[in-house]
PDB file of N, CA and C in Angstrom:
ATOM      1  N   UNK A   1     222.732 -57.557 -44.301  1.00  0.00           N
ATOM      2  CA  UNK A   1     222.958 -56.188 -44.741  1.00  0.00           C
ATOM      3  C   UNK A   1     221.966 -55.219 -44.113  1.00  0.00           C
ATOM      4  N   UNK A   2     221.127 -55.670 -43.206  1.00  0.00           N
ATOM      5  CA  UNK A   2     220.203 -54.772 -42.541  1.00  0.00           C
ATOM      6  C   UNK A   2     218.993 -54.388 -43.362  1.00  0.00           C
ATOM      7  N   UNK A   3     218.643 -55.222 -44.354  1.00  0.00           N
ATOM      8  CA  UNK A   3     217.498 -54.930 -45.209  1.00  0.00           C
ATOM      9  C   UNK A   3     216.239 -55.579 -44.646  1.00  0.00           C
ATOM     10  N   UNK A   4     215.123 -54.880 -44.817  1.00  0.00           N
ATOM     11  CA  UNK A   4     213.808 -55.418 -44.509  1.00  0.00           C
ATOM     12  C   UNK A   4     213.146 -55.700 -45.848  1.00  0.00           C
ATOM     13  N   UNK A   5     212.704 -56.936 -46.075  1.00  0.00           N
ATOM     14  CA  UNK A   5     212.115 -57.309 -47.356  1.00  0.00           C
ATOM     15  C   UNK A   5     210.701 -57.823 -47.179  1.00  0.00           C
ATOM     16  N   UNK A   6     209.896 -57.654 -48.242  1.00  0.00           N
ATOM     17  CA  UNK A   6     208.525 -58.139 -48.232  1.00  0.00           C
ATOM     18  C   UNK A   6     208.081 -58.395 -49.664  1.00  0.00           C
ATOM     19  N   UNK A   7     207.156 -59.324 -49.847  1.00  0.00           N
ATOM     20  CA  UNK A   7     206.553 -59.606 -51.145  1.00  0.00           C
ATOM     21  C   UNK A   7     205.248 -58.821 -51.242  1.00  0.00           C
ATOM     22  N   UNK A   8     205.047 -58.138 -52.351  1.00  0.00           N
ATOM     23  CA  UNK A   8     203.827 -57.372 -52.565  1.00  0.00           C
ATOM     24  C   UNK A   8     203.143 -57.898 -53.822  1.00  0.00           C
ATOM     25  N   UNK A   9     201.839 -58.048 -53.767  1.00  0.00           N
ATOM     26  CA  UNK A   9     201.083 -58.610 -54.898  1.00  0.00           C
ATOM     27  C   UNK A   9     200.668 -57.509 -55.864  1.00  0.00           C
ATOM     28  N   UNK A  10     201.664 -56.870 -56.443  1.00  0.00           N
ATOM     29  CA  UNK A  10     201.435 -55.820 -57.436  1.00  0.00           C
ATOM     30  C   UNK A  10     202.678 -55.742 -58.320  1.00  0.00           C
ATOM     31  N   UNK A  11     202.515 -55.321 -59.577  1.00  0.00           N
ATOM     32  CA  UNK A  11     203.665 -55.208 -60.478  1.00  0.00           C
ATOM     33  C   UNK A  11     204.580 -54.046 -60.090  1.00  0.00           C
ATOM     34  N   UNK A  12     205.818 -54.121 -60.535  1.00  0.00           N
ATOM     35  CA  UNK A  12     206.827 -53.108 -60.201  1.00  0.00           C
ATOM     36  C   UNK A  12     206.354 -51.678 -60.487  1.00  0.00           C
ATOM     37  N   UNK A  13     205.793 -51.373 -61.667  1.00  0.00           N
ATOM     38  CA  UNK A  13     205.392 -49.975 -61.921  1.00  0.00           C
ATOM     39  C   UNK A  13     204.378 -49.434 -60.898  1.00  0.00           C
ATOM     40  N   UNK A  14     203.455 -50.277 -60.451  1.00  0.00           N
ATOM     41  CA  UNK A  14     202.477 -49.838 -59.452  1.00  0.00           C
ATOM     42  C   UNK A  14     203.143 -49.676 -58.085  1.00  0.00           C
ATOM     43  N   UNK A  15     203.968 -50.657 -57.722  1.00  0.00           N
ATOM     44  CA  UNK A  15     204.663 -50.595 -56.432  1.00  0.00           C
ATOM     45  C   UNK A  15     205.590 -49.387 -56.378  1.00  0.00           C
ATOM     46  N   UNK A  16     206.197 -49.029 -57.497  1.00  0.00           N
ATOM     47  CA  UNK A  16     207.142 -47.904 -57.551  1.00  0.00           C
ATOM     48  C   UNK A  16     206.499 -46.586 -57.109  1.00  0.00           C
ATOM     49  N   UNK A  17     205.222 -46.405 -57.368  1.00  0.00           N
ATOM     50  CA  UNK A  17     204.535 -45.165 -56.980  1.00  0.00           C
ATOM     51  C   UNK A  17     204.290 -45.095 -55.476  1.00  0.00           C
ATOM     52  N   UNK A  18     204.117 -46.249 -54.826  1.00  0.00           N
ATOM     53  CA  UNK A  18     203.817 -46.276 -53.386  1.00  0.00           C
ATOM     54  C   UNK A  18     204.930 -45.692 -52.510  1.00  0.00           C
ATOM     55  N   UNK A  19     206.217 -46.028 -52.733  1.00  0.00           N
ATOM     56  CA  UNK A  19     207.264 -45.417 -51.907  1.00  0.00           C
ATOM     57  C   UNK A  19     207.334 -43.893 -52.078  1.00  0.00           C
ATOM     58  N   UNK A  20     207.067 -43.420 -53.298  1.00  0.00           N
ATOM     59  CA  UNK A  20     207.109 -41.972 -53.524  1.00  0.00           C
ATOM     60  C   UNK A  20     206.039 -41.275 -52.693  1.00  0.00           C
ATOM     61  N   UNK A  21     204.831 -41.837 -52.685  1.00  0.00           N
ATOM     62  CA  UNK A  21     203.740 -41.265 -51.887  1.00  0.00           C
ATOM     63  C   UNK A  21     204.017 -41.426 -50.389  1.00  0.00           C
ATOM     64  N   UNK A  22     204.567 -42.584 -50.004  1.00  0.00           N
ATOM     65  CA  UNK A  22     204.872 -42.832 -48.593  1.00  0.00           C
ATOM     66  C   UNK A  22     205.927 -41.863 -48.070  1.00  0.00           C
ATOM     67  N   UNK A  23     206.991 -41.660 -48.849  1.00  0.00           N
ATOM     68  CA  UNK A  23     208.050 -40.739 -48.431  1.00  0.00           C
ATOM     69  C   UNK A  23     207.507 -39.319 -48.306  1.00  0.00           C
ATOM     70  N   UNK A  24     206.656 -38.924 -49.238  1.00  0.00           N
ATOM     71  CA  UNK A  24     206.048 -37.594 -49.167  1.00  0.00           C
ATOM     72  C   UNK A  24     205.227 -37.459 -47.889  1.00  0.00           C
ATOM     73  N   UNK A  25     204.437 -38.487 -47.573  1.00  0.00           N
ATOM     74  CA  UNK A  25     203.625 -38.475 -46.358  1.00  0.00           C
ATOM     75  C   UNK A  25     204.461 -38.434 -45.090  1.00  0.00           C
ATOM     76  N   UNK A  26     205.643 -39.047 -45.129  1.00  0.00           N
ATOM     77  CA  UNK A  26     206.549 -39.042 -43.980  1.00  0.00           C
ATOM     78  C   UNK A  26     207.465 -37.813 -43.975  1.00  0.00           C
ATOM     79  N   UNK A  27     207.261 -36.942 -44.957  1.00  0.00           N
ATOM     80  CA  UNK A  27     208.058 -35.717 -45.117  1.00  0.00           C
ATOM     81  C   UNK A  27     209.547 -36.017 -45.290  1.00  0.00           C
ATOM     82  N   UNK A  28     209.834 -37.066 -46.076  1.00  0.00           N
ATOM     83  CA  UNK A  28     211.204 -37.417 -46.422  1.00  0.00           C
ATOM     84  C   UNK A  28     211.417 -37.091 -47.891  1.00  0.00           C
ATOM     85  N   UNK A  29     212.499 -36.407 -48.227  1.00  0.00           N
ATOM     86  CA  UNK A  29     212.728 -36.020 -49.622  1.00  0.00           C
ATOM     87  C   UNK A  29     213.149 -37.206 -50.488  1.00  0.00           C
ATOM     88  N   UNK A  30     212.696 -37.214 -51.733  1.00  0.00           N
ATOM     89  CA  UNK A  30     213.137 -38.221 -52.691  1.00  0.00           C
ATOM     90  C   UNK A  30     214.410 -37.692 -53.344  1.00  0.00           C
ATOM     91  N   UNK A  31     215.512 -38.402 -53.136  1.00  0.00           N
ATOM     92  CA  UNK A  31     216.805 -37.984 -53.692  1.00  0.00           C
ATOM     93  C   UNK A  31     217.080 -38.631 -55.049  1.00  0.00           C
ATOM     94  N   UNK A  32     216.479 -39.818 -55.261  1.00  0.00           N
ATOM     95  CA  UNK A  32     216.684 -40.533 -56.518  1.00  0.00           C
ATOM     96  C   UNK A  32     215.470 -41.426 -56.755  1.00  0.00           C
ATOM     97  N   UNK A  33     215.062 -41.526 -58.009  1.00  0.00           N
ATOM     98  CA  UNK A  33     213.942 -42.389 -58.399  1.00  0.00           C
ATOM     99  C   UNK A  33     214.201 -42.869 -59.824  1.00  0.00           C
ATOM    100  N   UNK A  34     214.660 -44.114 -59.965  1.00  0.00           N
ATOM    101  CA  UNK A  34     214.933 -44.676 -61.282  1.00  0.00           C
ATOM    102  C   UNK A  34     214.302 -46.064 -61.367  1.00  0.00           C
ATOM    103  N   UNK A  35     213.900 -46.449 -62.572  1.00  0.00           N
ATOM    104  CA  UNK A  35     213.346 -47.782 -62.709  1.00  0.00           C
ATOM    105  C   UNK A  35     212.771 -48.037 -64.077  1.00  0.00           C
ATOM    106  N   UNK A  36     212.321 -49.269 -64.257  1.00  0.00           N
ATOM    107  CA  UNK A  36     211.674 -49.697 -65.483  1.00  0.00           C
ATOM    108  C   UNK A  36     210.574 -50.686 -65.094  1.00  0.00           C
ATOM    109  N   UNK A  37     210.141 -51.526 -66.005  1.00  0.00           N
ATOM    110  CA  UNK A  37     209.050 -52.459 -65.705  1.00  0.00           C
ATOM    111  C   UNK A  37     209.460 -53.616 -64.796  1.00  0.00           C
ATOM    112  N   UNK A  38     210.762 -53.862 -64.653  1.00  0.00           N
ATOM    113  CA  UNK A  38     211.226 -55.009 -63.875  1.00  0.00           C
ATOM    114  C   UNK A  38     211.927 -54.652 -62.571  1.00  0.00           C
ATOM    115  N   UNK A  39     212.491 -53.457 -62.483  1.00  0.00           N
ATOM    116  CA  UNK A  39     213.182 -53.046 -61.266  1.00  0.00           C
ATOM    117  C   UNK A  39     212.979 -51.552 -61.026  1.00  0.00           C
ATOM    118  N   UNK A  40     213.156 -51.154 -59.783  1.00  0.00           N
ATOM    119  CA  UNK A  40     213.111 -49.729 -59.434  1.00  0.00           C
ATOM    120  C   UNK A  40     213.993 -49.506 -58.212  1.00  0.00           C
ATOM    121  N   UNK A  41     214.495 -48.295 -58.084  1.00  0.00           N
ATOM    122  CA  UNK A  41     215.354 -47.924 -56.966  1.00  0.00           C
ATOM    123  C   UNK A  41     214.995 -46.494 -56.562  1.00  0.00           C
ATOM    124  N   UNK A  42     214.684 -46.312 -55.275  1.00  0.00           N
ATOM    125  CA  UNK A  42     214.340 -44.996 -54.736  1.00  0.00           C
ATOM    126  C   UNK A  42     215.270 -44.725 -53.557  1.00  0.00           C
ATOM    127  N   UNK A  43     215.780 -43.500 -53.474  1.00  0.00           N
ATOM    128  CA  UNK A  43     216.625 -43.108 -52.350  1.00  0.00           C
ATOM    129  C   UNK A  43     216.048 -41.879 -51.682  1.00  0.00           C
ATOM    130  N   UNK A  44     216.251 -41.815 -50.360  1.00  0.00           N
ATOM    131  CA  UNK A  44     215.804 -40.676 -49.568  1.00  0.00           C
ATOM    132  C   UNK A  44     216.770 -40.536 -48.395  1.00  0.00           C
ATOM    133  N   UNK A  45     216.462 -39.612 -47.503  1.00  0.00           N
ATOM    134  CA  UNK A  45     217.252 -39.497 -46.279  1.00  0.00           C
ATOM    135  C   UNK A  45     216.467 -38.766 -45.204  1.00  0.00           C
ATOM    136  N   UNK A  46     216.776 -39.122 -43.957  1.00  0.00           N
ATOM    137  CA  UNK A  46     216.182 -38.452 -42.819  1.00  0.00           C
ATOM    138  C   UNK A  46     216.900 -37.132 -42.582  1.00  0.00           C
ATOM    139  N   UNK A  47     216.310 -36.280 -41.770  1.00  0.00           N
ATOM    140  CA  UNK A  47     216.886 -34.953 -41.526  1.00  0.00           C
ATOM    141  C   UNK A  47     218.273 -35.029 -40.881  1.00  0.00           C
ATOM    142  N   UNK A  48     218.580 -36.143 -40.196  1.00  0.00           N
ATOM    143  CA  UNK A  48     219.906 -36.292 -39.584  1.00  0.00           C
ATOM    144  C   UNK A  48     220.949 -36.818 -40.567  1.00  0.00           C
ATOM    145  N   UNK A  49     220.540 -36.996 -41.837  1.00  0.00           N
ATOM    146  CA  UNK A  49     221.466 -37.458 -42.868  1.00  0.00           C
ATOM    147  C   UNK A  49     221.481 -38.964 -43.073  1.00  0.00           C
ATOM    148  N   UNK A  50     220.709 -39.710 -42.285  1.00  0.00           N
ATOM    149  CA  UNK A  50     220.640 -41.153 -42.450  1.00  0.00           C
ATOM    150  C   UNK A  50     219.951 -41.472 -43.772  1.00  0.00           C
ATOM    151  N   UNK A  51     220.635 -42.240 -44.614  1.00  0.00           N
ATOM    152  CA  UNK A  51     220.127 -42.537 -45.955  1.00  0.00           C
ATOM    153  C   UNK A  51     219.119 -43.670 -45.937  1.00  0.00           C
ATOM    154  N   UNK A  52     218.230 -43.655 -46.917  1.00  0.00           N
ATOM    155  CA  UNK A  52     217.199 -44.682 -47.088  1.00  0.00           C
ATOM    156  C   UNK A  52     217.294 -45.199 -48.519  1.00  0.00           C
ATOM    157  N   UNK A  53     217.351 -46.537 -48.675  1.00  0.00           N
ATOM    158  CA  UNK A  53     217.369 -47.163 -49.988  1.00  0.00           C
ATOM    159  C   UNK A  53     216.169 -48.086 -50.090  1.00  0.00           C
ATOM    160  N   UNK A  54     215.407 -47.955 -51.167  1.00  0.00           N
ATOM    161  CA  UNK A  54     214.262 -48.813 -51.422  1.00  0.00           C
ATOM    162  C   UNK A  54     214.449 -49.441 -52.804  1.00  0.00           C
ATOM    163  N   UNK A  55     214.464 -50.775 -52.840  1.00  0.00           N
ATOM    164  CA  UNK A  55     214.629 -51.498 -54.102  1.00  0.00           C
ATOM    165  C   UNK A  55     213.395 -52.351 -54.351  1.00  0.00           C
ATOM    166  N   UNK A  56     212.958 -52.380 -55.606  1.00  0.00           N
ATOM    167  CA  UNK A  56     211.801 -53.166 -56.014  1.00  0.00           C
ATOM    168  C   UNK A  56     212.234 -54.034 -57.190  1.00  0.00           C
ATOM    169  N   UNK A  57     211.933 -55.326 -57.111  1.00  0.00           N
ATOM    170  CA  UNK A  57     212.280 -56.259 -58.179  1.00  0.00           C
ATOM    171  C   UNK A  57     211.054 -57.076 -58.564  1.00  0.00           C
ATOM    172  N   UNK A  58     210.959 -57.406 -59.845  1.00  0.00           N
ATOM    173  CA  UNK A  58     209.878 -58.260 -60.314  1.00  0.00           C
ATOM    174  C   UNK A  58     210.033 -59.651 -59.715  1.00  0.00           C
ATOM    175  N   UNK A  59     208.935 -60.204 -59.224  1.00  0.00           N
ATOM    176  CA  UNK A  59     208.942 -61.563 -58.674  1.00  0.00           C
ATOM    177  C   UNK A  59     207.955 -62.423 -59.451  1.00  0.00           C
ATOM    178  N   UNK A  60     207.836 -62.190 -60.732  1.00  0.00           N
ATOM    179  CA  UNK A  60     206.924 -62.862 -61.675  1.00  0.00           C
ATOM    180  C   UNK A  60     205.518 -63.020 -61.115  1.00  0.00           C
ATOM    181  N   UNK A  61     205.022 -64.217 -60.994  1.00  0.00           N
ATOM    182  CA  UNK A  61     203.633 -64.432 -60.576  1.00  0.00           C
ATOM    183  C   UNK A  61     203.340 -63.923 -59.167  1.00  0.00           C
ATOM    184  N   UNK A  62     204.348 -63.840 -58.327  1.00  0.00           N
ATOM    185  CA  UNK A  62     204.150 -63.416 -56.943  1.00  0.00           C
ATOM    186  C   UNK A  62     203.971 -61.901 -56.817  1.00  0.00           C
ATOM    187  N   UNK A  63     204.279 -61.139 -57.853  1.00  0.00           N
ATOM    188  CA  UNK A  63     204.177 -59.680 -57.791  1.00  0.00           C
ATOM    189  C   UNK A  63     205.554 -59.056 -57.785  1.00  0.00           C
ATOM    190  N   UNK A  64     205.885 -58.377 -56.685  1.00  0.00           N
ATOM    191  CA  UNK A  64     207.167 -57.682 -56.581  1.00  0.00           C
ATOM    192  C   UNK A  64     207.804 -57.931 -55.221  1.00  0.00           C
ATOM    193  N   UNK A  65     209.134 -57.903 -55.212  1.00  0.00           N
ATOM    194  CA  UNK A  65     209.876 -57.994 -53.959  1.00  0.00           C
ATOM    195  C   UNK A  65     210.361 -56.585 -53.617  1.00  0.00           C
ATOM    196  N   UNK A  66     210.043 -56.128 -52.420  1.00  0.00           N
ATOM    197  CA  UNK A  66     210.426 -54.799 -51.954  1.00  0.00           C
ATOM    198  C   UNK A  66     211.453 -54.949 -50.847  1.00  0.00           C
ATOM    199  N   UNK A  67     212.558 -54.208 -50.933  1.00  0.00           N
ATOM    200  CA  UNK A  67     213.595 -54.219 -49.899  1.00  0.00           C
ATOM    201  C   UNK A  67     213.860 -52.794 -49.459  1.00  0.00           C
ATOM    202  N   UNK A  68     213.962 -52.601 -48.143  1.00  0.00           N
ATOM    203  CA  UNK A  68     214.224 -51.276 -47.570  1.00  0.00           C
ATOM    204  C   UNK A  68     215.426 -51.390 -46.649  1.00  0.00           C
ATOM    205  N   UNK A  69     216.347 -50.440 -46.772  1.00  0.00           N
ATOM    206  CA  UNK A  69     217.462 -50.355 -45.835  1.00  0.00           C
ATOM    207  C   UNK A  69     217.590 -48.914 -45.385  1.00  0.00           C
ATOM    208  N   UNK A  70     217.659 -48.717 -44.081  1.00  0.00           N
ATOM    209  CA  UNK A  70     217.840 -47.392 -43.499  1.00  0.00           C
ATOM    210  C   UNK A  70     219.204 -47.363 -42.830  1.00  0.00           C
ATOM    211  N   UNK A  71     220.075 -46.480 -43.285  1.00  0.00           N
ATOM    212  CA  UNK A  71     221.418 -46.396 -42.737  1.00  0.00           C
ATOM    213  C   UNK A  71     222.292 -47.534 -43.239  1.00  0.00           C
ATOM    214  N   UNK A  72     223.568 -47.456 -42.975  1.00  0.00           N
ATOM    215  CA  UNK A  72     224.508 -48.458 -43.478  1.00  0.00           C
ATOM    216  C   UNK A  72     224.290 -49.827 -42.854  1.00  0.00           C
ATOM    217  N   UNK A  73     223.920 -49.871 -41.585  1.00  0.00           N
ATOM    218  CA  UNK A  73     223.736 -51.146 -40.901  1.00  0.00           C
ATOM    219  C   UNK A  73     222.276 -51.558 -40.810  1.00  0.00           C
ATOM    220  N   UNK A  74     221.372 -50.676 -41.165  1.00  0.00           N
ATOM    221  CA  UNK A  74     219.944 -50.979 -41.097  1.00  0.00           C
ATOM    222  C   UNK A  74     219.335 -50.505 -39.781  1.00  0.00           C
ATOM    223  N   UNK A  75     218.112 -50.049 -39.848  1.00  0.00           N
ATOM    224  CA  UNK A  75     217.350 -49.618 -38.674  1.00  0.00           C
ATOM    225  C   UNK A  75     215.957 -50.221 -38.852  1.00  0.00           C
ATOM    226  N   UNK A  76     215.698 -51.317 -38.149  1.00  0.00           N
ATOM    227  CA  UNK A  76     214.462 -52.064 -38.363  1.00  0.00           C
ATOM    228  C   UNK A  76     213.219 -51.239 -38.055  1.00  0.00           C
ATOM    229  N   UNK A  77     213.239 -50.454 -36.987  1.00  0.00           N
ATOM    230  CA  UNK A  77     212.057 -49.671 -36.617  1.00  0.00           C
ATOM    231  C   UNK A  77     211.695 -48.660 -37.707  1.00  0.00           C
ATOM    232  N   UNK A  78     212.696 -47.945 -38.220  1.00  0.00           N
ATOM    233  CA  UNK A  78     212.431 -46.965 -39.274  1.00  0.00           C
ATOM    234  C   UNK A  78     212.041 -47.659 -40.578  1.00  0.00           C
ATOM    235  N   UNK A  79     212.677 -48.784 -40.870  1.00  0.00           N
ATOM    236  CA  UNK A  79     212.346 -49.539 -42.085  1.00  0.00           C
ATOM    237  C   UNK A  79     210.898 -50.018 -42.035  1.00  0.00           C
ATOM    238  N   UNK A  80     210.455 -50.513 -40.879  1.00  0.00           N
ATOM    239  CA  UNK A  80     209.072 -50.988 -40.734  1.00  0.00           C
ATOM    240  C   UNK A  80     208.073 -49.841 -40.889  1.00  0.00           C
ATOM    241  N   UNK A  81     208.424 -48.678 -40.354  1.00  0.00           N
ATOM    242  CA  UNK A  81     207.540 -47.516 -40.482  1.00  0.00           C
ATOM    243  C   UNK A  81     207.375 -47.140 -41.957  1.00  0.00           C
ATOM    244  N   UNK A  82     208.461 -47.171 -42.706  1.00  0.00           N
ATOM    245  CA  UNK A  82     208.415 -46.858 -44.146  1.00  0.00           C
ATOM    246  C   UNK A  82     207.620 -47.937 -44.880  1.00  0.00           C
ATOM    247  N   UNK A  83     207.838 -49.215 -44.536  1.00  0.00           N
ATOM    248  CA  UNK A  83     207.122 -50.311 -45.176  1.00  0.00           C
ATOM    249  C   UNK A  83     205.612 -50.184 -44.958  1.00  0.00           C
ATOM    250  N   UNK A  84     205.200 -49.893 -43.747  1.00  0.00           N
ATOM    251  CA  UNK A  84     203.764 -49.745 -43.473  1.00  0.00           C
ATOM    252  C   UNK A  84     203.174 -48.572 -44.247  1.00  0.00           C
ATOM    253  N   UNK A  85     203.924 -47.487 -44.368  1.00  0.00           N
ATOM    254  CA  UNK A  85     203.452 -46.333 -45.156  1.00  0.00           C
ATOM    255  C   UNK A  85     203.325 -46.712 -46.625  1.00  0.00           C
ATOM    256  N   UNK A  86     204.265 -47.505 -47.128  1.00  0.00           N
ATOM    257  CA  UNK A  86     204.197 -47.957 -48.526  1.00  0.00           C
ATOM    258  C   UNK A  86     202.957 -48.812 -48.740  1.00  0.00           C
ATOM    259  N   UNK A  87     202.705 -49.742 -47.829  1.00  0.00           N
ATOM    260  CA  UNK A  87     201.545 -50.631 -47.960  1.00  0.00           C
ATOM    261  C   UNK A  87     200.237 -49.852 -47.947  1.00  0.00           C
ATOM    262  N   UNK A  88     200.173 -48.776 -47.190  1.00  0.00           N
ATOM    263  CA  UNK A  88     198.957 -47.955 -47.154  1.00  0.00           C
ATOM    264  C   UNK A  88     198.697 -47.270 -48.503  1.00  0.00           C
ATOM    265  N   UNK A  89     199.752 -47.053 -49.275  1.00  0.00           N
ATOM    266  CA  UNK A  89     199.617 -46.364 -50.568  1.00  0.00           C
ATOM    267  C   UNK A  89     199.465 -47.317 -51.763  1.00  0.00           C
ATOM    268  N   UNK A  90     199.408 -48.612 -51.498  1.00  0.00           N
ATOM    269  CA  UNK A  90     199.203 -49.561 -52.601  1.00  0.00           C
ATOM    270  C   UNK A  90     197.734 -49.717 -52.915  1.00  0.00           C
TER     271      UNK A  90
END
């Protein structure tokens, strides 16, 4: 499905704040931000209309699983750039 996934050693509520800060730093608007203690979903889009989906799921002892998809088919370069920005904000 064109998703880039990574395991992060932090709980969902903490990880949820990192994409919001990362998107702001990348000057990408937050279109949707919903979640609870076990899952979160953030949406954004690039200026050309390409959508961004970020999903966070609880992975119990391992922390959280983060998945990023850019566009319908996925764009690995843009997904990696967003992932690195998220990691800087953790």
